[in-house]
Amino acid sequence: MKALKLLSLLCLLCSTTTLLADQNSEELENYISKNKQEQFSYDYEKNEAESSKLRDSWIAPLNLQYSYSRSNPYKSEQTSQNAAIKMDQTIFQSGGIYYAIKYAKASHKYMDLSVDVLKRKLVKDAISLLMQIKQMELKIAKQNLQIKNAEINLELKKEQYLNGQLDSGFLDNAVIERNNVIQALYDMQTAKERLVSQFQTISDVDYKTAKIPHLDYIDEEDFLTHNIVLNMSKSDIEKNRYNKNVVTAKYLPRLSVTAGYNWSKSENSQYVFGANEKDYYDYGFKAYMPLDINTFKDIESSKVSYLKAQLAIQDKKREQRAIYDQVMQNIKNFDKKITLCIENKDIYDKLLTDTRDLYDAGYKTHYDVELLENSLNMQKIDAQVFEIDKQLELLTLYEMYKNGK
């Protein structure tokens, strides 16, 4: 019976959300503003452009040159024109061209994952703030019930004091208790407005009508497989591996093709009267290999960066597993608290039923009934608050999880 009631309550909580448990990344990203989404789109476009530039960096430019001059050193005016097209293109670089292209692709992937991390962090912040706002609204509702109970308690203490059943100290404590719970309400309202202000700076969603997403559980293997932090570390390894090869190839033999076309025209020169025009071409190849004193140091440095990246991912895996285990443990604790709320709810249900019977028989007052009704509703609110706490814990995983659906 208790398990059935717990299931019913959890179903009620889940019904307040609009998204299904299997919502994808795009649905979560709708919680950040359109402006910020466009900024991230530009980041991806810039990454694409930078990657293309890096990929084609081995292609040498085609140099175009033209000059024109006029002079009169010998009384007659002389003119001279020169034009040239020159090319010096590397066609073999001991594998450097191949690895440079691979390095560009790996860098593109790494930069995109870097943007994913930043975007995911902002998405997490937006949803977390919305959840905290909804949670604060529940706490405010609970606080209003506590104020009602404090006011009932004050009325009871007044009656007992006037009837000579209590001294003024008990009445004074009741007044203080009422003031304390009201002041706590004001603090909660201020905290809510602060959360709303923070939420509105990063989201276009109206918090008053917005529904918080219901996040599904993620198993550990799936979490580690689609973990953008780990995938970024893997991409860093790949990037450093290709960079190591690029640096090595930089000090190995390379072969270039050279070609050019030249044209010149002069008029009224000192030695030739009239116009003198000529053009010619040249082509060939050149091979060279740099001998640099820092060759081995440069290669060793790139190799160390690669080895360090390989070791760093082991720490990242350990870190992500620890985060996952901690989140799962926290969720278990919140489940225990929800179960306790359900047990308390059962107790208050029974007490409320008995008290109503006694009230109908004239043995209890309407204050007794109202106190228990308020206490019962507070237990229901506590269960909802703890359910949001579970979602906030899962949000910690979703910040680093992108399944690419």
Protein backbone atom coordinates (compact mmCIF):
# COMPACT_ATOMS: atom_id res chain seq x y z
CA MET A 1 0.00 0.00 0.00
CA LYS A 2 2.80 2.39 0.95
CA ALA A 3 4.69 1.59 -2.25
CA LEU A 4 1.55 2.29 -4.28
CA LYS A 5 1.15 5.68 -2.61
CA LEU A 6 4.80 6.50 -3.27
CA LEU A 7 4.41 5.57 -6.92
CA SER A 8 1.30 7.71 -7.20
CA LEU A 9 3.09 10.71 -5.72
CA LEU A 10 6.08 10.35 -8.01
CA CYS A 11 3.77 10.08 -11.02
CA LEU A 12 2.14 13.31 -9.91
CA LEU A 13 5.53 15.02 -9.72
CA CYS A 14 6.54 13.80 -13.15
CA SER A 15 3.28 15.05 -14.66
CA THR A 16 4.36 18.63 -13.97
CA THR A 17 7.04 18.43 -16.67
CA THR A 18 6.61 18.88 -20.40
CA LEU A 19 9.62 16.97 -21.70
CA LEU A 20 9.94 13.22 -21.83
CA ALA A 21 12.70 11.34 -20.10
CA ASP A 22 14.51 10.73 -23.39
CA GLN A 23 14.72 14.39 -24.45
CA ASN A 24 17.77 15.16 -26.56
CA SER A 25 20.40 17.85 -26.39
CA GLU A 26 18.53 20.26 -28.66
CA GLU A 27 15.51 20.32 -26.34
CA LEU A 28 17.73 21.12 -23.37
CA GLU A 29 19.47 23.87 -25.34
CA ASN A 30 16.13 25.61 -25.83
CA TYR A 31 16.42 26.83 -22.24
CA ILE A 32 19.18 29.29 -23.17
CA SER A 33 18.39 32.49 -25.07
CA LYS A 34 18.32 32.68 -28.87
CA ASN A 35 21.04 35.31 -28.74
CA LYS A 36 23.40 33.00 -26.87
CA GLN A 37 22.55 30.10 -29.18
CA GLU A 38 23.50 32.26 -32.16
CA GLN A 39 26.78 33.20 -30.49
CA PHE A 40 27.62 29.51 -30.13
CA SER A 41 26.67 28.98 -33.80
CA TYR A 42 29.21 31.61 -34.77
CA ASP A 43 31.81 29.85 -32.62
CA TYR A 44 31.22 26.64 -34.60
CA GLU A 45 31.44 28.57 -37.89
CA LYS A 46 34.70 30.15 -36.80
CA ASN A 47 36.06 26.72 -35.89
CA GLU A 48 35.15 25.49 -39.37
CA ALA A 49 36.92 28.43 -41.00
CA GLU A 50 40.03 28.08 -38.82
CA SER A 51 40.17 24.36 -39.52
CA SER A 52 39.91 24.88 -43.27
CA LYS A 53 42.65 27.50 -43.12
CA LEU A 54 44.87 25.12 -41.15
CA ARG A 55 44.08 22.18 -43.44
CA ASP A 56 45.13 24.12 -46.56
CA SER A 57 48.12 25.88 -45.00
CA TRP A 58 50.53 23.61 -46.93
CA ILE A 59 49.33 25.10 -50.25
CA ALA A 60 51.71 27.89 -51.17
CA PRO A 61 50.33 31.20 -52.47
CA LEU A 62 50.64 32.16 -56.13
CA ASN A 63 52.61 35.42 -56.14
CA LEU A 64 51.58 38.10 -58.65
CA GLN A 65 53.81 41.14 -59.19
CA TYR A 66 53.61 44.24 -61.37
CA SER A 67 55.62 47.47 -61.40
CA TYR A 68 55.59 50.64 -63.50
CA SER A 69 58.07 53.52 -63.49
CA ARG A 70 58.81 56.71 -65.42
CA SER A 71 62.04 58.72 -65.42
CA ASN A 72 63.96 61.30 -67.47
CA PRO A 73 67.64 61.02 -66.59
CA TYR A 74 68.72 61.70 -70.20
CA LYS A 75 66.29 64.45 -71.20
CA SER A 76 64.01 61.97 -72.99
CA GLU A 77 61.35 60.36 -70.82
CA GLN A 78 61.77 56.65 -70.19
CA THR A 79 59.11 54.16 -69.01
CA SER A 80 59.54 50.66 -67.63
CA GLN A 81 56.99 47.94 -66.82
CA ASN A 82 57.58 44.57 -65.22
CA ALA A 83 55.18 41.75 -64.36
CA ALA A 84 55.70 38.26 -62.96
CA ILE A 85 53.82 35.21 -61.74
CA LYS A 86 55.78 32.93 -59.42
CA MET A 87 55.01 29.67 -57.65
CA ASP A 88 57.02 27.72 -55.08
CA GLN A 89 54.88 24.75 -54.04
CA THR A 90 55.95 21.92 -51.73
CA ILE A 91 54.79 18.57 -53.11
CA PHE A 92 56.60 16.23 -50.74
CA GLN A 93 57.35 16.80 -47.06
CA SER A 94 58.15 13.36 -45.65
CA GLY A 95 54.51 12.84 -44.63
CA GLY A 96 54.15 16.36 -43.23
CA ILE A 97 51.35 17.31 -45.65
CA TYR A 98 49.28 14.24 -44.75
CA TYR A 99 49.73 14.77 -41.02
CA ALA A 100 49.04 18.50 -41.32
CA ILE A 101 45.63 17.72 -42.86
CA LYS A 102 44.94 15.15 -40.14
CA TYR A 103 46.03 17.64 -37.47
CA ALA A 104 43.63 20.25 -38.87
CA LYS A 105 40.71 17.83 -38.68
CA ALA A 106 41.62 16.78 -35.13
CA SER A 107 41.94 20.43 -34.10
CA HIS A 108 38.51 21.16 -35.56
CA LYS A 109 36.97 18.37 -33.52
CA TYR A 110 38.76 19.54 -30.38
CA MET A 111 37.62 23.15 -30.84
CA ASP A 112 34.01 22.07 -31.41
CA LEU A 113 34.10 20.00 -28.24
CA SER A 114 35.48 23.02 -26.39
CA VAL A 115 32.44 25.00 -27.51
CA ASP A 116 30.20 22.06 -26.51
CA VAL A 117 31.61 22.21 -22.99
CA LEU A 118 30.89 25.94 -22.69
CA LYS A 119 27.40 25.60 -24.17
CA ARG A 120 26.58 22.63 -21.96
CA LYS A 121 27.69 24.59 -18.90
CA LEU A 122 25.35 27.45 -19.82
CA VAL A 123 22.46 25.05 -20.50
CA LYS A 124 23.05 23.44 -17.12
CA ASP A 125 23.09 26.86 -15.41
CA ALA A 126 19.79 27.87 -17.05
CA ILE A 127 17.96 24.65 -16.17
CA SER A 128 19.47 24.61 -12.68
CA LEU A 129 18.22 28.15 -12.02
CA LEU A 130 14.75 27.25 -13.31
CA MET A 131 14.65 24.18 -11.07
CA GLN A 132 15.78 26.23 -8.09
CA ILE A 133 13.06 28.81 -8.81
CA LYS A 134 10.40 26.08 -8.88
CA GLN A 135 11.92 24.60 -5.75
CA MET A 136 11.85 27.99 -4.02
CA GLU A 137 8.18 28.39 -4.94
CA LEU A 138 7.47 25.08 -3.22
CA LYS A 139 9.44 26.17 -0.17
CA ILE A 140 7.50 29.45 -0.08
CA ALA A 141 4.25 27.49 -0.22
CA LYS A 142 5.48 25.34 2.67
CA GLN A 143 6.54 28.44 4.59
CA ASN A 144 3.05 29.91 4.20
CA LEU A 145 1.67 26.73 5.77
CA GLN A 146 4.16 27.09 8.61
CA ILE A 147 3.00 30.69 9.11
CA LYS A 148 -0.60 29.47 9.31
CA ASN A 149 0.42 26.92 11.93
CA ALA A 150 2.35 29.59 13.85
CA GLU A 151 -0.70 31.85 13.78
CA ILE A 152 -2.92 29.01 14.99
CA ASN A 153 -0.44 28.28 17.75
CA LEU A 154 -0.47 31.98 18.70
CA GLU A 155 -4.26 32.01 18.88
CA LEU A 156 -4.21 28.91 21.08
CA LYS A 157 -1.61 30.47 23.35
CA LYS A 158 -3.70 33.65 23.60
CA GLU A 159 -6.76 31.68 24.69
CA GLN A 160 -4.75 29.67 27.20
CA TYR A 161 -3.11 32.84 28.57
CA LEU A 162 -6.44 34.65 28.93
CA ASN A 163 -7.88 31.58 30.63
CA GLY A 164 -4.98 31.56 33.07
CA GLN A 165 -3.58 28.26 31.80
CA LEU A 166 -0.21 29.74 30.65
CA ASP A 167 2.03 32.58 31.76
CA SER A 168 3.08 35.43 29.47
CA GLY A 169 6.41 33.78 28.59
CA PHE A 170 4.73 31.09 26.48
CA LEU A 171 2.63 33.71 24.71
CA ASP A 172 5.76 35.78 24.02
CA ASN A 173 7.52 32.74 22.52
CA ALA A 174 4.56 32.14 20.24
CA VAL A 175 4.76 35.73 18.98
CA ILE A 176 8.51 35.39 18.35
CA GLU A 177 7.98 32.10 16.52
CA ARG A 178 5.36 33.72 14.27
CA ASN A 179 7.69 36.65 13.51
CA ASN A 180 10.57 34.29 12.72
CA VAL A 181 8.62 32.24 10.17
CA ILE A 182 7.31 35.41 8.50
CA GLN A 183 10.82 36.87 8.26
CA ALA A 184 12.03 33.57 6.82
CA LEU A 185 9.31 33.90 4.16
CA TYR A 186 10.61 37.35 3.20
CA ASP A 187 14.13 35.92 2.87
CA MET A 188 12.82 33.17 0.59
CA GLN A 189 10.99 35.66 -1.59
CA THR A 190 14.18 37.72 -1.91
CA ALA A 191 16.18 34.60 -2.79
CA LYS A 192 13.60 33.68 -5.44
CA GLU A 193 13.81 37.11 -7.08
CA ARG A 194 17.59 36.81 -7.15
CA LEU A 195 17.31 33.45 -8.93
CA VAL A 196 14.78 34.89 -11.38
CA SER A 197 17.13 37.76 -12.21
CA GLN A 198 20.00 35.37 -12.88
CA PHE A 199 17.78 33.12 -15.00
CA GLN A 200 16.51 35.98 -17.16
CA THR A 201 20.07 37.00 -18.10
CA ILE A 202 20.66 33.70 -19.93
CA SER A 203 17.21 32.54 -21.02
CA ASP A 204 14.22 33.83 -23.01
CA VAL A 205 11.89 31.37 -21.30
CA ASP A 206 9.17 32.75 -19.04
CA TYR A 207 9.85 31.12 -15.69
CA LYS A 208 6.22 31.57 -14.63
CA THR A 209 4.92 29.22 -17.33
CA ALA A 210 8.07 27.17 -18.01
CA LYS A 211 8.13 23.51 -17.07
CA ILE A 212 11.32 21.91 -15.84
CA PRO A 213 12.59 18.95 -17.89
CA HIS A 214 12.39 15.49 -16.41
CA LEU A 215 15.88 14.02 -16.76
CA ASP A 216 16.23 10.30 -17.17
CA TYR A 217 18.81 8.15 -15.41
CA ILE A 218 22.07 7.48 -17.27
CA ASP A 219 24.01 4.29 -16.72
CA GLU A 220 27.72 4.63 -16.05
CA GLU A 221 28.91 3.12 -19.32
CA ASP A 222 26.65 5.40 -21.37
CA PHE A 223 27.74 8.41 -19.32
CA LEU A 224 31.43 7.71 -19.95
CA THR A 225 30.91 6.90 -23.64
CA HIS A 226 29.07 10.14 -24.43
CA ASN A 227 30.98 12.29 -21.96
CA ILE A 228 32.10 15.47 -23.75
CA VAL A 229 34.89 16.06 -21.22
CA LEU A 230 36.39 12.63 -21.92
CA ASN A 231 35.79 12.95 -25.66
CA MET A 232 37.58 16.27 -25.55
CA SER A 233 40.54 14.58 -23.85
CA LYS A 234 40.54 11.84 -26.50
CA SER A 235 40.50 14.50 -29.19
CA ASP A 236 43.41 16.23 -27.47
CA ILE A 237 45.41 12.99 -27.65
CA GLU A 238 44.68 12.65 -31.36
CA LYS A 239 45.58 16.30 -31.98
CA ASN A 240 48.90 15.99 -30.14
CA ARG A 241 49.72 12.74 -31.94
CA TYR A 242 49.36 14.34 -35.37
CA ASN A 243 51.16 17.48 -34.21
CA LYS A 244 54.10 15.31 -33.11
CA ASN A 245 54.30 13.92 -36.63
CA VAL A 246 53.99 17.39 -38.17
CA VAL A 247 56.85 18.70 -36.04
CA THR A 248 59.04 15.68 -36.95
CA ALA A 249 58.35 16.13 -40.67
CA LYS A 250 59.36 19.78 -40.43
CA TYR A 251 63.00 18.68 -40.04
CA LEU A 252 62.97 16.00 -42.76
CA PRO A 253 63.67 16.38 -46.50
CA ARG A 254 61.08 18.14 -48.63
CA LEU A 255 60.66 18.69 -52.35
CA SER A 256 59.14 21.75 -54.00
CA VAL A 257 58.18 22.62 -57.57
CA THR A 258 59.02 26.14 -58.74
CA ALA A 259 57.62 27.93 -61.79
CA GLY A 260 57.31 31.47 -63.04
CA TYR A 261 56.41 33.71 -65.92
CA ASN A 262 58.09 37.09 -66.38
CA TRP A 263 57.29 40.02 -68.69
CA SER A 264 58.99 43.37 -69.09
CA LYS A 265 58.64 46.36 -71.36
CA SER A 266 60.74 49.52 -71.58
CA GLU A 267 60.48 52.56 -73.85
CA ASN A 268 63.13 55.12 -74.84
CA SER A 269 65.84 53.59 -72.75
CA GLN A 270 69.39 54.84 -72.97
CA TYR A 271 70.48 52.02 -75.25
CA VAL A 272 67.38 51.25 -77.27
CA PHE A 273 65.22 53.80 -79.05
CA GLY A 274 61.53 52.95 -79.10
CA ALA A 275 59.97 50.05 -77.24
CA ASN A 276 61.71 46.95 -75.96
CA GLU A 277 59.46 44.10 -74.78
CA LYS A 278 60.30 40.58 -73.70
CA ASP A 279 58.82 37.70 -71.73
CA TYR A 280 60.08 34.34 -70.54
CA TYR A 281 59.23 31.49 -68.20
CA ASP A 282 61.20 29.33 -65.82
CA TYR A 283 60.46 26.15 -63.92
CA GLY A 284 62.25 23.57 -61.86
CA PHE A 285 62.36 21.96 -58.48
CA LYS A 286 64.32 22.21 -55.29
CA ALA A 287 65.00 19.86 -52.43
CA TYR A 288 66.15 20.86 -48.98
CA MET A 289 66.34 19.71 -45.41
CA PRO A 290 66.94 22.10 -42.51
CA LEU A 291 69.72 21.35 -40.05
CA ASP A 292 68.63 23.05 -36.87
CA ILE A 293 70.35 22.79 -33.49
CA ASN A 294 66.92 22.65 -31.81
CA THR A 295 65.54 19.86 -34.00
CA PHE A 296 65.58 17.10 -31.40
CA LYS A 297 64.42 19.43 -28.64
CA ASP A 298 61.42 20.51 -30.69
CA ILE A 299 60.53 16.93 -31.57
CA GLU A 300 60.97 15.81 -27.96
CA SER A 301 58.73 18.63 -26.73
CA SER A 302 55.91 17.60 -29.08
CA LYS A 303 56.36 13.97 -28.03
CA VAL A 304 56.09 14.91 -24.33
CA SER A 305 52.86 16.82 -25.01
CA TYR A 306 51.43 13.70 -26.65
CA LEU A 307 52.47 11.44 -23.77
CA LYS A 308 51.08 13.89 -21.22
CA ALA A 309 47.72 13.97 -23.03
CA GLN A 310 47.59 10.16 -22.86
CA LEU A 311 48.12 10.24 -19.10
CA ALA A 312 45.72 13.14 -18.53
CA ILE A 313 42.73 11.19 -19.85
CA GLN A 314 43.20 8.57 -17.13
CA ASP A 315 42.74 11.27 -14.50
CA LYS A 316 39.68 12.57 -16.36
CA LYS A 317 38.13 9.09 -16.40
CA ARG A 318 38.74 8.70 -12.68
CA GLU A 319 37.26 12.15 -12.06
CA GLN A 320 34.14 11.48 -14.13
CA ARG A 321 33.55 8.11 -12.46
CA ALA A 322 33.82 9.79 -9.05
CA ILE A 323 31.28 12.43 -10.12
CA TYR A 324 28.91 9.72 -11.36
CA ASP A 325 29.22 7.68 -8.15
CA GLN A 326 28.68 10.77 -5.99
CA VAL A 327 25.55 11.76 -7.94
CA MET A 328 24.11 8.26 -7.64
CA GLN A 329 24.80 8.23 -3.89
CA ASN A 330 23.17 11.62 -3.46
CA ILE A 331 20.10 10.44 -5.37
CA LYS A 332 19.83 7.40 -3.09
CA ASN A 333 19.85 9.71 -0.08
CA PHE A 334 17.11 11.87 -1.57
CA ASP A 335 15.08 8.71 -2.28
CA LYS A 336 15.36 7.86 1.43
CA LYS A 337 14.11 11.33 2.33
CA ILE A 338 11.17 10.97 -0.07
CA THR A 339 10.33 7.61 1.48
CA LEU A 340 10.42 9.24 4.91
CA CYS A 341 8.05 11.95 3.67
CA ILE A 342 5.65 9.26 2.47
CA GLU A 343 5.80 7.52 5.84
CA ASN A 344 5.14 10.81 7.62
CA LYS A 345 2.30 11.50 5.21
CA ASP A 346 0.72 8.16 6.16
CA ILE A 347 1.01 9.08 9.84
CA TYR A 348 -0.58 12.49 9.31
CA ASP A 349 -3.29 10.94 7.14
CA LYS A 350 -4.27 8.62 9.99
CA LEU A 351 -4.08 11.39 12.60
CA LEU A 352 -6.13 13.74 10.44
CA THR A 353 -8.85 11.14 9.92
CA ASP A 354 -9.04 10.43 13.68
CA THR A 355 -8.96 14.14 14.53
CA ARG A 356 -11.81 14.90 12.14
CA ASP A 357 -13.85 12.17 13.80
CA LEU A 358 -13.07 13.65 17.23
CA TYR A 359 -13.91 17.16 15.94
CA ASP A 360 -17.28 15.91 14.70
CA ALA A 361 -17.82 14.40 18.14
CA GLY A 362 -16.91 17.72 19.81
CA TYR A 363 -13.63 16.59 21.41
CA LYS A 364 -11.28 18.54 19.08
CA THR A 365 -11.31 22.08 17.67
CA HIS A 366 -11.06 23.28 14.08
CA TYR A 367 -7.53 24.45 15.00
CA ASP A 368 -6.48 20.84 15.58
CA VAL A 369 -7.84 19.81 12.18
CA GLU A 370 -6.21 22.74 10.36
CA LEU A 371 -2.82 22.14 12.03
CA LEU A 372 -2.76 18.53 10.85
CA GLU A 373 -3.95 19.45 7.34
CA ASN A 374 -1.14 21.97 7.04
CA SER A 375 1.44 19.46 8.36
CA LEU A 376 0.19 16.85 5.89
CA ASN A 377 0.53 19.27 2.96
CA MET A 378 4.04 20.22 4.11
CA GLN A 379 5.11 16.59 3.84
CA LYS A 380 3.79 16.48 0.27
CA ILE A 381 5.73 19.65 -0.57
CA ASP A 382 8.91 18.22 0.99
CA ALA A 383 8.64 15.19 -1.29
CA GLN A 384 8.37 17.47 -4.32
CA VAL A 385 11.37 19.51 -3.17
CA PHE A 386 13.47 16.36 -2.79
CA GLU A 387 12.37 15.18 -6.23
CA ILE A 388 13.72 18.40 -7.73
CA ASP A 389 16.93 17.83 -5.74
CA LYS A 390 17.27 14.52 -7.56
CA GLN A 391 16.82 16.26 -10.89
CA LEU A 392 19.50 18.79 -9.95
CA GLU A 393 21.86 15.91 -9.24
CA LEU A 394 21.11 14.33 -12.62
CA LEU A 395 21.66 17.72 -14.23
CA THR A 396 25.28 17.48 -13.04
CA LEU A 397 25.64 14.43 -15.29
CA TYR A 398 23.77 15.98 -18.21
CA GLU A 399 26.18 18.92 -18.16
CA MET A 400 28.90 16.54 -19.36
CA TYR A 401 26.67 14.20 -21.39
CA LYS A 402 25.80 14.59 -25.07
CA ASN A 403 24.50 11.56 -26.88
CA GLY A 404 24.26 13.26 -30.25
CA LYS A 405 20.66 12.24 -30.89
